Each structure stands twice: as C-alpha cells, then as structure tokens.
C-alpha cells in the first residue's frame, strides 16, 4: 500500500478515535485544535477528512446554532472496532492522554456560551446560555448593554462564574416570597 494512502487512513482513524474517546459531540474547531496541537495534520487536511468521514456515513454532522458538531455513527463505531489495531499504541496513548487532560474543559466550553451583538441603535445585546450535556438549554439570558466593554465583561463573567451565577439566579427564583 502507498504511504499516502496509509497516512490518509491513519489520519481518519485518529479523528474517529478522538471523537469516540471524548464520548460527546465535538465541534469542528475542537477537532482541528487537537489535530494541529498534536501535529497530526494541517487544518485543510482535517477539514477534508471530516468531510469525507461524513460522506462515508462514519460521522454525523449536527448543526446547533452557529456550531457544527460531530458524532460517531454506528458505522463509524464499527470501523474503529475493526481497524483500531492500525493505530500505533503511541498514538492511542497520546489521544487518551489528551482526552483525559481536556475532556472536562471542552465539555464545559460546549455547555456555556456567551456572545454579544451590535444592535442597530449602537447598543449591544449579550446572549448567555447554559446547556446540559445533550444541548438542552437550562438557562438563557439576553441583556442589552451600552458599550462593547460591558458586553465583553458580561461574557467573561458568565463563562468564568457560571456555577455561582446559575445557583444565585435559581435560588432567587425558587425562594419563598417573604
């Protein structure tokens, strides 16, 4: 078999194995960040492989708001099962280690979003969202603010303090009237 064909197959297996090990949908940017960080492939190759894996029905592409996330199909799971021996132990260990070190961070980032948008009146609208693991909104807040600085602060505070903010709002909403 030609080296380039082996490399192509290995790179696709790397992406499938990563998504399997992460065990929740991964965004295009999360997958590319991994591939680039570990020097497995360049951005354009990763995009090509993802597209080919979707076309081959090994990955399912889910669009959620402005985000595209990838999950394994049954056919993709079967492919990993049959061909996992073609990945070296070093590559599998490297992926396992990456998943262990980054799974919680990536999962949290995918559940907590905060964005701001310039409005026609030159104010900003900040949209903050907290989702559970399957993408269901637990809380969504939209706030108009006067400046871009305020919008950025709110986004940063939402992302960095979500546990405290969610708890405070929930407690205020369910506390008995006094």
C-alpha atoms as a PDB file:
ATOM      1  CA  UNK A   1       0.000   0.000   0.000  1.00  0.00           C
ATOM      2  CA  UNK A   2       1.218   3.511  -0.811  1.00  0.00           C
ATOM      3  CA  UNK A   3       2.463   5.640   2.114  1.00  0.00           C
ATOM      4  CA  UNK A   4      -0.008   8.437   1.364  1.00  0.00           C
ATOM      5  CA  UNK A   5      -2.939   6.004   1.440  1.00  0.00           C
ATOM      6  CA  UNK A   6      -1.703   4.623   4.786  1.00  0.00           C
ATOM      7  CA  UNK A   7      -1.342   8.160   6.149  1.00  0.00           C
ATOM      8  CA  UNK A   8      -4.815   9.111   4.921  1.00  0.00           C
ATOM      9  CA  UNK A   9      -6.374   6.054   6.578  1.00  0.00           C
ATOM     10  CA  UNK A  10      -4.429   6.626   9.794  1.00  0.00           C
ATOM     11  CA  UNK A  11      -5.458  10.283   9.989  1.00  0.00           C
ATOM     12  CA  UNK A  12      -9.114   9.393   9.554  1.00  0.00           C
ATOM     13  CA  UNK A  13      -8.798   6.732  12.250  1.00  0.00           C
ATOM     14  CA  UNK A  14      -7.171   9.313  14.543  1.00  0.00           C
ATOM     15  CA  UNK A  15     -10.192  11.603  14.156  1.00  0.00           C
ATOM     16  CA  UNK A  16     -12.663   8.758  14.691  1.00  0.00           C
ATOM     17  CA  UNK A  17     -10.762   7.528  17.759  1.00  0.00           C
ATOM     18  CA  UNK A  18     -10.633  11.042  19.250  1.00  0.00           C
ATOM     19  CA  UNK A  19     -14.391  11.505  18.850  1.00  0.00           C
ATOM     20  CA  UNK A  20     -15.071   8.044  20.285  1.00  0.00           C
ATOM     21  CA  UNK A  21     -12.851   8.664  23.324  1.00  0.00           C
ATOM     22  CA  UNK A  22     -14.295  12.121  24.012  1.00  0.00           C
ATOM     23  CA  UNK A  23     -17.767  10.484  24.164  1.00  0.00           C
ATOM     24  CA  UNK A  24     -19.717  13.653  23.339  1.00  0.00           C
ATOM     25  CA  UNK A  25     -20.131  15.733  20.183  1.00  0.00           C
ATOM     26  CA  UNK A  26     -17.031  17.713  19.223  1.00  0.00           C
ATOM     27  CA  UNK A  27     -17.003  20.952  17.267  1.00  0.00           C
ATOM     28  CA  UNK A  28     -15.016  21.460  14.129  1.00  0.00           C
ATOM     29  CA  UNK A  29     -12.698  23.883  15.941  1.00  0.00           C
ATOM     30  CA  UNK A  30     -12.099  21.459  18.840  1.00  0.00           C
ATOM     31  CA  UNK A  31     -11.140  18.680  16.428  1.00  0.00           C
ATOM     32  CA  UNK A  32      -8.854  20.965  14.415  1.00  0.00           C
ATOM     33  CA  UNK A  33      -7.234  22.331  17.574  1.00  0.00           C
ATOM     34  CA  UNK A  34      -6.370  18.779  18.608  1.00  0.00           C
ATOM     35  CA  UNK A  35      -5.024  17.827  15.157  1.00  0.00           C
ATOM     36  CA  UNK A  36      -2.864  20.953  14.934  1.00  0.00           C
ATOM     37  CA  UNK A  37      -1.678  20.856  18.544  1.00  0.00           C
ATOM     38  CA  UNK A  38      -0.514  17.258  18.159  1.00  0.00           C
ATOM     39  CA  UNK A  39       0.913  17.874  14.648  1.00  0.00           C
ATOM     40  CA  UNK A  40      -1.123  15.035  13.154  1.00  0.00           C
ATOM     41  CA  UNK A  41      -2.399  17.074  10.215  1.00  0.00           C
ATOM     42  CA  UNK A  42      -2.910  20.604   8.988  1.00  0.00           C
ATOM     43  CA  UNK A  43      -6.209  22.475   9.118  1.00  0.00           C
ATOM     44  CA  UNK A  44      -7.160  21.853   5.484  1.00  0.00           C
ATOM     45  CA  UNK A  45      -6.449  18.133   5.697  1.00  0.00           C
ATOM     46  CA  UNK A  46      -8.548  17.876   8.862  1.00  0.00           C
ATOM     47  CA  UNK A  47     -11.430  19.630   7.061  1.00  0.00           C
ATOM     48  CA  UNK A  48     -11.120  17.276   4.099  1.00  0.00           C
ATOM     49  CA  UNK A  49     -11.038  14.184   6.348  1.00  0.00           C
ATOM     50  CA  UNK A  50     -14.069  15.337   8.334  1.00  0.00           C
ATOM     51  CA  UNK A  51     -15.992  15.939   5.130  1.00  0.00           C
ATOM     52  CA  UNK A  52     -15.045  12.508   3.756  1.00  0.00           C
ATOM     53  CA  UNK A  53     -15.965  10.804   7.045  1.00  0.00           C
ATOM     54  CA  UNK A  54     -19.393  12.458   6.931  1.00  0.00           C
ATOM     55  CA  UNK A  55     -19.857  11.454   3.266  1.00  0.00           C
ATOM     56  CA  UNK A  56     -18.932   7.861   4.164  1.00  0.00           C
ATOM     57  CA  UNK A  57     -21.532   7.925   6.985  1.00  0.00           C
ATOM     58  CA  UNK A  58     -18.859   7.289   9.622  1.00  0.00           C
ATOM     59  CA  UNK A  59     -19.552  10.643  11.291  1.00  0.00           C
ATOM     60  CA  UNK A  60     -22.792  12.520  11.712  1.00  0.00           C
ATOM     61  CA  UNK A  61     -22.684  16.279  11.396  1.00  0.00           C
ATOM     62  CA  UNK A  62     -25.061  18.158  13.699  1.00  0.00           C
ATOM     63  CA  UNK A  63     -25.605  21.872  13.350  1.00  0.00           C
ATOM     64  CA  UNK A  64     -26.562  23.612  16.587  1.00  0.00           C
ATOM     65  CA  UNK A  65     -26.989  27.379  16.355  1.00  0.00           C
ATOM     66  CA  UNK A  66     -23.751  28.619  14.710  1.00  0.00           C
ATOM     67  CA  UNK A  67     -21.807  25.500  15.581  1.00  0.00           C
ATOM     68  CA  UNK A  68     -21.182  22.220  13.749  1.00  0.00           C
ATOM     69  CA  UNK A  69     -20.562  19.196  15.949  1.00  0.00           C
ATOM     70  CA  UNK A  70     -19.522  15.682  15.006  1.00  0.00           C
ATOM     71  CA  UNK A  71     -20.581  12.366  16.494  1.00  0.00           C
ATOM     72  CA  UNK A  72     -19.825   8.787  15.511  1.00  0.00           C
ATOM     73  CA  UNK A  73     -22.426   6.811  13.627  1.00  0.00           C
ATOM     74  CA  UNK A  74     -22.813   3.090  14.237  1.00  0.00           C
ATOM     75  CA  UNK A  75     -20.839   2.530  11.052  1.00  0.00           C
ATOM     76  CA  UNK A  76     -18.075   4.759  12.473  1.00  0.00           C
ATOM     77  CA  UNK A  77     -18.037   2.789  15.726  1.00  0.00           C
ATOM     78  CA  UNK A  78     -17.789  -0.445  13.756  1.00  0.00           C
ATOM     79  CA  UNK A  79     -14.935   0.981  11.669  1.00  0.00           C
ATOM     80  CA  UNK A  80     -12.928   1.822  14.804  1.00  0.00           C
ATOM     81  CA  UNK A  81     -13.625  -1.618  16.250  1.00  0.00           C
ATOM     82  CA  UNK A  82     -12.338  -3.362  13.124  1.00  0.00           C
ATOM     83  CA  UNK A  83      -9.350  -1.135  12.376  1.00  0.00           C
ATOM     84  CA  UNK A  84      -8.147   0.121  15.778  1.00  0.00           C
ATOM     85  CA  UNK A  85      -5.113  -2.161  15.539  1.00  0.00           C
ATOM     86  CA  UNK A  86      -3.867   0.022  12.666  1.00  0.00           C
ATOM     87  CA  UNK A  87      -3.239   2.885  15.110  1.00  0.00           C
ATOM     88  CA  UNK A  88       0.034   2.631  16.982  1.00  0.00           C
ATOM     89  CA  UNK A  89      -0.031   2.309  20.761  1.00  0.00           C
ATOM     90  CA  UNK A  90       1.815   5.650  20.983  1.00  0.00           C
ATOM     91  CA  UNK A  91      -0.899   7.458  19.043  1.00  0.00           C
ATOM     92  CA  UNK A  92      -3.664   5.840  21.111  1.00  0.00           C
ATOM     93  CA  UNK A  93      -1.870   6.787  24.349  1.00  0.00           C
ATOM     94  CA  UNK A  94      -1.367  10.338  23.113  1.00  0.00           C
ATOM     95  CA  UNK A  95      -5.070  10.662  22.259  1.00  0.00           C
ATOM     96  CA  UNK A  96      -6.123   9.046  25.556  1.00  0.00           C
ATOM     97  CA  UNK A  97      -3.898  11.474  27.449  1.00  0.00           C
ATOM     98  CA  UNK A  98      -5.266  14.475  25.504  1.00  0.00           C
ATOM     99  CA  UNK A  99      -8.835  13.378  26.227  1.00  0.00           C
ATOM    100  CA  UNK A 100      -8.095  12.894  29.925  1.00  0.00           C
ATOM    101  CA  UNK A 101      -6.484  16.345  30.186  1.00  0.00           C
ATOM    102  CA  UNK A 102      -9.045  18.258  28.101  1.00  0.00           C
ATOM    103  CA  UNK A 103     -12.394  16.461  28.304  1.00  0.00           C
ATOM    104  CA  UNK A 104     -13.803  18.456  31.198  1.00  0.00           C
ATOM    105  CA  UNK A 105     -12.684  21.803  29.739  1.00  0.00           C
ATOM    106  CA  UNK A 106     -14.091  21.052  26.278  1.00  0.00           C
ATOM    107  CA  UNK A 107     -17.343  19.737  27.703  1.00  0.00           C
ATOM    108  CA  UNK A 108     -17.772  22.838  29.872  1.00  0.00           C
ATOM    109  CA  UNK A 109     -16.937  25.168  26.967  1.00  0.00           C
ATOM    110  CA  UNK A 110     -19.551  23.478  24.811  1.00  0.00           C
ATOM    111  CA  UNK A 111     -22.212  23.919  27.501  1.00  0.00           C
ATOM    112  CA  UNK A 112     -21.500  27.530  28.453  1.00  0.00           C
ATOM    113  CA  UNK A 113     -21.697  30.187  25.766  1.00  0.00           C
ATOM    114  CA  UNK A 114     -21.729  33.957  25.860  1.00  0.00           C
ATOM    115  CA  UNK A 115     -21.813  36.183  22.800  1.00  0.00           C
ATOM    116  CA  UNK A 116     -22.584  39.803  22.089  1.00  0.00           C
ATOM    117  CA  UNK A 117     -24.020  41.523  19.041  1.00  0.00           C
ATOM    118  CA  UNK A 118     -24.051  45.142  17.915  1.00  0.00           C
ATOM    119  CA  UNK A 119     -27.626  46.428  17.651  1.00  0.00           C
ATOM    120  CA  UNK A 120     -28.937  48.995  15.122  1.00  0.00           C
ATOM    121  CA  UNK A 121     -29.068  51.670  17.850  1.00  0.00           C
ATOM    122  CA  UNK A 122     -25.322  51.086  18.566  1.00  0.00           C
ATOM    123  CA  UNK A 123     -26.051  49.327  21.856  1.00  0.00           C
ATOM    124  CA  UNK A 124     -25.002  45.703  22.363  1.00  0.00           C
ATOM    125  CA  UNK A 125     -27.097  42.648  23.080  1.00  0.00           C
ATOM    126  CA  UNK A 126     -25.411  39.978  25.200  1.00  0.00           C
ATOM    127  CA  UNK A 127     -26.731  36.399  24.992  1.00  0.00           C
ATOM    128  CA  UNK A 128     -25.569  33.983  27.680  1.00  0.00           C
ATOM    129  CA  UNK A 129     -26.539  30.302  27.576  1.00  0.00           C
ATOM    130  CA  UNK A 130     -26.062  27.258  29.779  1.00  0.00           C
ATOM    131  CA  UNK A 131     -26.909  23.878  28.238  1.00  0.00           C
ATOM    132  CA  UNK A 132     -26.901  20.367  29.627  1.00  0.00           C
ATOM    133  CA  UNK A 133     -24.930  17.541  28.041  1.00  0.00           C
ATOM    134  CA  UNK A 134     -27.465  16.864  25.277  1.00  0.00           C
ATOM    135  CA  UNK A 135     -27.712  20.511  24.208  1.00  0.00           C
ATOM    136  CA  UNK A 136     -30.958  21.367  26.010  1.00  0.00           C
ATOM    137  CA  UNK A 137     -30.977  24.941  27.313  1.00  0.00           C
ATOM    138  CA  UNK A 138     -31.006  25.126  31.111  1.00  0.00           C
ATOM    139  CA  UNK A 139     -30.806  28.901  31.168  1.00  0.00           C
ATOM    140  CA  UNK A 140     -30.587  31.656  28.595  1.00  0.00           C
ATOM    141  CA  UNK A 141     -30.259  35.328  29.386  1.00  0.00           C
ATOM    142  CA  UNK A 142     -30.296  38.249  26.947  1.00  0.00           C
ATOM    143  CA  UNK A 143     -29.177  41.634  28.192  1.00  0.00           C
ATOM    144  CA  UNK A 144     -28.937  44.986  26.414  1.00  0.00           C
ATOM    145  CA  UNK A 145     -25.835  46.988  27.396  1.00  0.00           C
ATOM    146  CA  UNK A 146     -24.448  50.346  26.328  1.00  0.00           C
ATOM    147  CA  UNK A 147     -20.827  49.509  25.472  1.00  0.00           C
ATOM    148  CA  UNK A 148     -18.718  46.805  23.924  1.00  0.00           C
ATOM    149  CA  UNK A 149     -16.596  46.746  27.114  1.00  0.00           C
ATOM    150  CA  UNK A 150     -19.654  45.936  29.224  1.00  0.00           C
ATOM    151  CA  UNK A 151     -20.633  43.192  26.766  1.00  0.00           C
ATOM    152  CA  UNK A 152     -17.165  41.626  26.991  1.00  0.00           C
ATOM    153  CA  UNK A 153     -17.187  41.785  30.814  1.00  0.00           C
ATOM    154  CA  UNK A 154     -20.556  40.071  30.989  1.00  0.00           C
ATOM    155  CA  UNK A 155     -19.415  37.329  28.586  1.00  0.00           C
ATOM    156  CA  UNK A 156     -16.227  36.736  30.580  1.00  0.00           C
ATOM    157  CA  UNK A 157     -18.043  36.744  33.939  1.00  0.00           C
ATOM    158  CA  UNK A 158     -20.683  34.330  32.631  1.00  0.00           C
ATOM    159  CA  UNK A 159     -18.060  31.878  31.397  1.00  0.00           C
ATOM    160  CA  UNK A 160     -15.811  32.154  34.465  1.00  0.00           C
ATOM    161  CA  UNK A 161     -18.515  32.131  37.154  1.00  0.00           C
ATOM    162  CA  UNK A 162     -21.342  30.064  35.695  1.00  0.00           C
ATOM    163  CA  UNK A 163     -21.775  27.780  38.701  1.00  0.00           C
ATOM    164  CA  UNK A 164     -22.165  30.679  41.135  1.00  0.00           C
ATOM    165  CA  UNK A 165     -24.340  32.742  38.752  1.00  0.00           C
ATOM    166  CA  UNK A 166     -26.660  29.845  37.917  1.00  0.00           C
ATOM    167  CA  UNK A 167     -27.018  28.933  41.597  1.00  0.00           C
ATOM    168  CA  UNK A 168     -27.721  32.532  42.628  1.00  0.00           C
ATOM    169  CA  UNK A 169     -30.364  33.066  39.934  1.00  0.00           C
ATOM    170  CA  UNK A 170     -32.018  29.708  40.569  1.00  0.00           C
ATOM    171  CA  UNK A 171     -32.115  30.285  44.336  1.00  0.00           C
ATOM    172  CA  UNK A 172     -33.593  33.760  43.850  1.00  0.00           C
ATOM    173  CA  UNK A 173     -36.284  32.395  41.548  1.00  0.00           C
ATOM    174  CA  UNK A 174     -37.331  29.465  43.745  1.00  0.00           C
ATOM    175  CA  UNK A 175     -37.065  31.122  47.169  1.00  0.00           C
ATOM    176  CA  UNK A 176     -40.317  31.696  49.008  1.00  0.00           C
ATOM    177  CA  UNK A 177     -41.843  35.150  48.955  1.00  0.00           C
ATOM    178  CA  UNK A 178     -41.252  36.950  52.250  1.00  0.00           C
END
